Amino acid sequence: MCVTAVESRPAGVVLTPSPGGRRPFGARVKAFVALTKPRIIELLLITTVPVMFLAEQGVPDLWLVLATCFGGYLSAGGANALNMYIDRDIDALMDRTSQRPLVTGMVSPREGLVFGITLAVVSTLWFGLLVNWLSAWLSLGALLFYVVVYTMILKRRTSQNIVWGGIAGCMPVLIGWSAVTNSMSWAAVILFLVIFFWTPPHYWPLSMKVKEDYARVGVPMLPVLASNKVVAKQIVLYSWVMVAVSLLLTPLGYTGWFYTAVALLTGGWWLWEAHGLLNRAKSEVTGAKLKEMRLFHWSITYVSLLFVAVAVDPFLR
């Protein structure tokens, strides 16, 4: 799951922290926080907390929610820091990543590696000792999947990188459920699949916008290898499956009318935007007129509204 801003500084230009190589304490703290990618983690928590409400069928224990959120932040932060450590070579060449701390020199590679490993260990122990060990292993599995399977194996080798690599971003749903119940259920699996099918049509529009960046460093994102028309068709396909899967919760008895209404309305609007992008791609519209980022920004709103409905629905049944 990714929420990023495109940087305007020319790619490949590495900034020094300050004259003389000094690294001010305040800037260093901000740099270490930046290694955790807090904007991405916000979205992960949006998919964790509502599932806890659904699992509890009401308000879960506040301490458990805080412990789960903090553990999730540490785990995802560790994964993101290790991702930046591994990708620091290509980050220096891409516009939107060229101001990351390991590129600018505000954090050294060794510090980034130690920081990431430390967060991974601490987060696993945090979950195991303060939540439960099922959540701890799920958290560690998500971290290892993101770092090893996605970053080290898939990202630079296949256009399906974001499809299968996105599994790591689905895990907070399972962690939220297991934190409350210390078990799994079909409700958690369905919401896991919603995020799984959400991730490619969420990320591919952004990849369409910055595909020159990925092409420059040899990362085979789908928009680099395929035309806008082909990418848009894939976006529409995944979008229909995502919306269909999101509607399974109600016939299986996990949600009621409120969630169903929100899923239909937000899913319908998503499909409208996805087909609009496909129509523009078929017409060979390029540049700003393609408006691919409209779907990217809506995708964040969609998942936020859908999971808020997950949390609210138990109180309206």
Foldseek 3Di string as FASTA:
>chain_A
DDDFDFADDAALDAAQCDPPNDQDPVNLVVLLVVLLVVVVLVLLLLLQLLLLLLLVLHDDDPVLSVLLSVLLSLLSSLLSLLLCLLCVVLLRGFRRRNPRCCRNVSADSVRSNVSSVVSLVVSLVSCPPPQNNVLSVLSNVLSCLLNPVQRPPNFQPDQCSQLVSQLSSLSSLVSSNCSNVVDDDVVSVLSSVLSSLLRLLLCVLVCLVRVVSCVVVRGPHPVVVDALLVSLVSSLVSLVVSLVSQQVCVVVPSFDDQLNVLSVVLSVVLNVVSVLLNVCSVVVDDDVVSVSCVSNVSSSVSSSSNSVSSNCGSVVD
